[in-house]
N, C-alpha and C. Protein backbone atom coordinates (compact mmCIF):
# COMPACT_ATOMS: atom_id res chain seq x y z
N MET A 1 -71.76 -85.96 42.39
CA MET A 1 -72.22 -85.02 41.54
C MET A 1 -73.52 -84.36 42.48
N SER A 2 -73.63 -83.17 41.85
CA SER A 2 -74.33 -82.18 42.89
C SER A 2 -75.81 -82.41 42.53
N ALA A 3 -76.99 -82.06 43.19
CA ALA A 3 -78.20 -82.07 42.84
C ALA A 3 -78.61 -81.46 41.52
N ASN A 4 -77.74 -80.13 41.54
CA ASN A 4 -77.91 -79.33 40.25
C ASN A 4 -77.76 -80.01 38.99
N ALA A 5 -76.59 -80.65 38.89
CA ALA A 5 -75.97 -81.42 37.84
C ALA A 5 -76.99 -82.38 37.35
N LYS A 6 -77.51 -83.06 37.99
CA LYS A 6 -78.42 -84.22 37.67
C LYS A 6 -79.86 -83.44 36.85
N THR A 7 -80.22 -82.39 37.28
CA THR A 7 -81.43 -81.91 36.97
C THR A 7 -81.29 -80.84 35.87
N ARG A 8 -80.03 -80.42 35.63
CA ARG A 8 -79.79 -79.43 34.46
C ARG A 8 -79.74 -79.94 33.14
N LYS A 9 -80.40 -79.38 32.10
CA LYS A 9 -80.60 -79.95 30.93
C LYS A 9 -79.17 -79.58 29.94
N PRO A 10 -78.93 -80.29 29.15
CA PRO A 10 -77.70 -80.10 28.26
C PRO A 10 -78.16 -78.86 27.37
N LYS A 11 -77.17 -77.81 27.23
CA LYS A 11 -77.29 -76.63 26.19
C LYS A 11 -77.68 -76.99 24.88
N ALA A 12 -78.38 -76.28 24.34
CA ALA A 12 -78.64 -76.71 22.78
C ALA A 12 -77.69 -76.14 22.02
N ALA A 13 -77.16 -76.94 20.88
CA ALA A 13 -76.08 -76.37 19.84
C ALA A 13 -76.73 -75.11 19.36
N THR A 14 -75.99 -74.12 19.03
CA THR A 14 -76.50 -72.80 18.57
C THR A 14 -76.46 -72.96 16.99
N ILE A 15 -77.36 -72.34 16.41
CA ILE A 15 -77.31 -72.50 14.89
C ILE A 15 -76.89 -71.10 14.14
N ARG A 16 -75.91 -71.39 13.42
CA ARG A 16 -75.32 -70.02 12.91
C ARG A 16 -76.04 -69.51 11.66
N LYS A 17 -76.80 -68.49 11.48
CA LYS A 17 -77.34 -68.17 10.42
C LYS A 17 -76.29 -67.62 9.15
N ALA A 18 -76.69 -67.89 7.83
CA ALA A 18 -75.94 -67.60 6.92
C ALA A 18 -75.84 -66.27 6.75
N ALA A 19 -74.46 -65.97 6.75
CA ALA A 19 -74.17 -64.27 6.17
C ALA A 19 -74.77 -63.66 5.12
N VAL A 20 -75.73 -62.67 5.69
CA VAL A 20 -76.13 -61.78 4.17
C VAL A 20 -75.39 -60.82 3.85
N PRO A 21 -75.07 -60.79 2.50
CA PRO A 21 -74.00 -59.48 2.39
C PRO A 21 -75.07 -58.35 2.36
N LYS A 22 -74.20 -57.21 2.94
CA LYS A 22 -74.65 -55.93 3.31
C LYS A 22 -74.43 -55.08 2.04
N ALA A 23 -75.57 -54.51 1.67
CA ALA A 23 -75.63 -53.44 0.65
C ALA A 23 -74.59 -52.23 1.21
N LYS A 24 -73.68 -51.80 0.10
CA LYS A 24 -72.96 -50.55 0.67
C LYS A 24 -73.79 -49.34 0.92
N PRO A 25 -73.36 -48.90 1.88
CA PRO A 25 -74.05 -47.48 2.28
C PRO A 25 -73.80 -46.51 1.23
N GLU A 26 -74.65 -45.43 0.86
CA GLU A 26 -74.44 -44.23 0.07
C GLU A 26 -73.41 -43.49 0.62
N PRO A 27 -72.47 -42.97 -0.39
CA PRO A 27 -71.46 -42.22 0.45
C PRO A 27 -71.94 -41.15 1.24
N ARG A 28 -71.47 -40.63 2.40
CA ARG A 28 -72.20 -39.50 3.13
C ARG A 28 -71.58 -38.22 2.21
N GLN A 29 -72.46 -37.30 2.41
CA GLN A 29 -72.53 -36.02 1.99
C GLN A 29 -71.70 -34.99 3.17
N THR A 30 -70.44 -34.93 3.21
CA THR A 30 -69.78 -34.23 4.42
C THR A 30 -69.78 -32.66 4.19
N LYS A 31 -69.45 -32.03 5.16
CA LYS A 31 -69.28 -30.48 4.82
C LYS A 31 -68.32 -30.35 4.03
N ARG A 32 -67.15 -30.93 4.13
CA ARG A 32 -65.88 -30.77 3.31
C ARG A 32 -66.42 -31.09 1.78
N LYS A 33 -67.16 -32.23 1.47
CA LYS A 33 -67.55 -32.53 0.13
C LYS A 33 -68.46 -31.36 -0.29
N LEU A 34 -69.08 -30.89 0.68
CA LEU A 34 -70.31 -29.89 0.06
C LEU A 34 -69.44 -28.73 -0.28
N GLY A 35 -68.45 -28.37 0.37
CA GLY A 35 -67.69 -27.23 0.01
C GLY A 35 -67.04 -27.59 -1.50
N ILE A 36 -66.25 -28.60 -1.45
CA ILE A 36 -65.61 -28.70 -2.45
C ILE A 36 -66.69 -28.60 -4.07
N ASP A 37 -68.09 -29.23 -3.85
CA ASP A 37 -69.03 -29.19 -4.68
C ASP A 37 -69.52 -27.90 -5.11
N LEU A 38 -69.41 -26.77 -4.02
CA LEU A 38 -69.50 -25.30 -4.32
C LEU A 38 -68.42 -24.68 -5.07
N VAL A 39 -67.26 -24.96 -4.56
CA VAL A 39 -66.39 -24.23 -5.48
C VAL A 39 -66.01 -24.74 -6.86
N ARG A 40 -66.39 -25.94 -7.10
CA ARG A 40 -66.36 -26.62 -8.35
C ARG A 40 -67.36 -26.13 -9.25
N ARG A 41 -68.34 -25.37 -8.84
CA ARG A 41 -69.42 -24.65 -9.80
C ARG A 41 -68.71 -23.60 -10.74
N PRO A 42 -69.29 -23.51 -11.87
CA PRO A 42 -68.54 -22.71 -12.77
C PRO A 42 -68.46 -21.49 -12.29
N SER A 43 -69.41 -20.95 -11.50
CA SER A 43 -69.13 -19.44 -10.88
C SER A 43 -68.59 -19.42 -9.62
N GLY A 44 -68.15 -20.61 -9.09
CA GLY A 44 -67.33 -20.72 -7.77
C GLY A 44 -68.20 -20.44 -6.80
N ALA A 45 -67.66 -20.03 -5.54
CA ALA A 45 -68.46 -19.91 -4.16
C ALA A 45 -68.09 -18.68 -3.31
N THR A 46 -68.74 -17.76 -2.93
CA THR A 46 -68.36 -16.93 -2.12
C THR A 46 -68.05 -17.42 -0.78
N LEU A 47 -67.56 -16.71 0.34
CA LEU A 47 -67.16 -17.12 1.57
C LEU A 47 -68.56 -17.37 2.13
N MET A 48 -69.37 -16.25 1.73
CA MET A 48 -70.92 -16.03 2.54
C MET A 48 -71.69 -17.58 2.09
N GLU A 49 -71.46 -18.02 0.94
CA GLU A 49 -72.21 -19.22 0.54
C GLU A 49 -71.78 -20.26 1.13
N LEU A 50 -70.37 -20.50 1.52
CA LEU A 50 -69.86 -21.44 2.18
C LEU A 50 -70.18 -21.52 3.50
N ILE A 51 -70.17 -20.42 4.11
CA ILE A 51 -70.67 -20.25 5.48
C ILE A 51 -72.04 -20.65 5.66
N GLU A 52 -73.09 -20.30 4.73
CA GLU A 52 -74.42 -20.91 4.93
C GLU A 52 -74.52 -22.25 4.58
N ALA A 53 -73.99 -22.81 3.70
CA ALA A 53 -73.96 -24.25 3.35
C ALA A 53 -73.51 -24.95 4.30
N THR A 54 -72.30 -24.51 5.15
CA THR A 54 -71.76 -25.73 6.07
C THR A 54 -72.05 -25.17 7.58
N GLY A 55 -72.45 -23.86 7.80
CA GLY A 55 -72.60 -23.38 9.30
C GLY A 55 -71.82 -23.07 10.16
N TRP A 56 -70.35 -23.15 9.21
CA TRP A 56 -69.19 -23.06 10.01
C TRP A 56 -68.74 -21.46 9.87
N GLN A 57 -67.95 -21.02 10.95
CA GLN A 57 -67.37 -19.56 11.04
C GLN A 57 -66.60 -19.35 9.76
N PRO A 58 -66.44 -17.92 9.58
CA PRO A 58 -65.63 -17.73 8.42
C PRO A 58 -63.94 -18.31 8.54
N HIS A 59 -63.35 -18.07 9.63
CA HIS A 59 -62.24 -18.54 9.96
C HIS A 59 -62.04 -20.13 9.64
N THR A 60 -62.92 -20.95 10.06
CA THR A 60 -63.05 -22.31 9.66
C THR A 60 -63.36 -22.72 8.26
N VAL A 61 -63.92 -21.81 7.81
CA VAL A 61 -64.30 -22.24 6.08
C VAL A 61 -62.84 -21.85 5.50
N ARG A 62 -62.00 -20.81 5.89
CA ARG A 62 -61.01 -20.41 5.22
C ARG A 62 -59.72 -21.57 5.63
N ALA A 63 -60.10 -22.11 6.65
CA ALA A 63 -58.88 -23.05 7.12
C ALA A 63 -59.11 -24.35 6.52
N ALA A 64 -60.43 -24.66 6.15
CA ALA A 64 -60.80 -26.04 5.51
C ALA A 64 -60.41 -25.68 3.89
N ILE A 65 -60.61 -24.59 3.35
CA ILE A 65 -60.13 -24.28 2.12
C ILE A 65 -58.45 -24.45 1.96
N SER A 66 -57.86 -23.79 2.92
CA SER A 66 -56.32 -24.08 2.97
C SER A 66 -55.88 -25.59 3.10
N SER A 67 -56.90 -26.25 3.94
CA SER A 67 -56.21 -27.87 3.93
C SER A 67 -56.76 -28.52 2.71
N LEU A 68 -57.53 -28.16 2.06
CA LEU A 68 -58.11 -28.78 0.72
C LEU A 68 -56.75 -28.44 -0.41
N LYS A 69 -56.43 -27.17 -0.15
CA LYS A 69 -55.33 -26.74 -1.45
C LYS A 69 -53.89 -27.76 -1.08
N HIS A 70 -53.70 -27.99 0.29
CA HIS A 70 -52.53 -28.69 0.67
C HIS A 70 -52.58 -30.15 0.91
N GLY A 71 -53.97 -30.46 0.57
CA GLY A 71 -54.19 -32.08 0.42
C GLY A 71 -54.06 -32.59 1.97
N LYS A 72 -54.63 -31.95 3.04
CA LYS A 72 -54.55 -32.53 4.32
C LYS A 72 -55.83 -32.51 4.97
N SER A 73 -56.34 -33.64 5.52
CA SER A 73 -57.54 -33.55 6.48
C SER A 73 -57.13 -34.19 7.70
N GLY A 74 -57.00 -33.32 8.54
CA GLY A 74 -56.50 -33.65 9.98
C GLY A 74 -55.04 -34.43 9.62
N ASN A 75 -55.09 -35.82 10.12
CA ASN A 75 -53.89 -36.64 10.24
C ASN A 75 -53.85 -37.45 8.62
N ARG A 76 -55.07 -37.34 7.90
CA ARG A 76 -54.89 -37.89 6.65
C ARG A 76 -54.55 -37.02 5.64
N SER A 77 -53.93 -37.84 4.53
CA SER A 77 -53.69 -36.91 3.33
C SER A 77 -54.88 -37.55 2.27
N ILE A 78 -55.19 -36.33 1.41
CA ILE A 78 -56.28 -36.29 0.69
C ILE A 78 -55.81 -35.71 -0.78
N GLU A 79 -56.61 -35.96 -1.45
CA GLU A 79 -56.17 -35.32 -3.04
C GLU A 79 -56.38 -34.03 -3.01
N PRO A 80 -55.55 -33.14 -3.22
CA PRO A 80 -55.43 -32.03 -3.27
C PRO A 80 -56.15 -31.14 -4.44
N VAL A 81 -57.19 -30.29 -3.98
CA VAL A 81 -57.96 -29.45 -4.88
C VAL A 81 -57.53 -28.02 -5.13
N ASP A 82 -57.12 -27.82 -6.52
CA ASP A 82 -56.73 -26.59 -6.75
C ASP A 82 -57.58 -25.46 -6.86
N ILE A 83 -57.66 -24.83 -5.59
CA ILE A 83 -58.65 -23.64 -5.39
C ILE A 83 -57.95 -22.29 -5.55
N ARG A 84 -58.46 -21.51 -6.17
CA ARG A 84 -58.04 -20.20 -6.67
C ARG A 84 -59.31 -19.06 -5.94
N SER A 85 -58.37 -17.98 -5.51
CA SER A 85 -59.60 -17.15 -4.93
C SER A 85 -59.27 -15.81 -5.83
N ARG A 86 -60.43 -15.03 -5.94
CA ARG A 86 -60.48 -13.89 -6.87
C ARG A 86 -61.47 -12.57 -6.12
N ARG A 87 -61.16 -11.45 -6.20
CA ARG A 87 -61.88 -10.54 -5.53
C ARG A 87 -62.79 -10.01 -6.68
N GLU A 88 -63.98 -9.93 -6.27
CA GLU A 88 -65.03 -9.29 -7.34
C GLU A 88 -65.99 -8.55 -6.39
N SER A 89 -66.30 -7.16 -6.88
CA SER A 89 -67.30 -6.27 -6.12
C SER A 89 -67.23 -6.44 -4.64
N GLY A 90 -65.86 -6.43 -3.95
CA GLY A 90 -65.49 -6.46 -2.76
C GLY A 90 -65.87 -7.84 -1.99
N ARG A 91 -65.92 -8.83 -2.73
CA ARG A 91 -66.17 -10.15 -1.94
C ARG A 91 -65.09 -11.31 -2.73
N THR A 92 -64.86 -12.38 -1.74
CA THR A 92 -63.96 -13.23 -2.20
C THR A 92 -64.75 -14.22 -2.83
N ILE A 93 -64.23 -14.69 -4.14
CA ILE A 93 -64.96 -15.69 -4.74
C ILE A 93 -63.82 -16.79 -4.91
N TYR A 94 -64.01 -18.17 -4.13
CA TYR A 94 -63.29 -19.33 -4.39
C TYR A 94 -63.71 -20.08 -5.63
N GLU A 95 -62.85 -20.39 -6.53
CA GLU A 95 -63.23 -21.55 -7.48
C GLU A 95 -62.31 -22.47 -7.76
N ALA A 96 -62.40 -23.73 -8.13
CA ALA A 96 -61.66 -24.78 -8.54
C ALA A 96 -61.13 -24.64 -9.70
N ALA A 97 -59.83 -24.88 -9.86
CA ALA A 97 -59.18 -24.66 -11.18
C ALA A 97 -59.21 -25.91 -11.98
N ASP A 98 -59.45 -27.12 -11.67
CA ASP A 98 -59.74 -28.10 -12.31
C ASP A 98 -60.78 -28.42 -13.24
């Protein structure tokens, strides 16, 4: 044996702590969910309201609306939302039909 082996203390056994169940985190308010909430209002939402709420560019808002209609979110399938658009006073208003 070497000199270090004689003076070394044995390792203490580790004590495992009991697993504490974690509380479920609150669902995140994503920009997509915010947009869905806005178009589900009785009055619907204009393009400008969606832009201001999400901070997205107009083409991004339109693309998100299109993906919601078709039930796509990137590579994932999501529940499609029946969104209809109508013109009123020169503005486009998006509203959910469900």
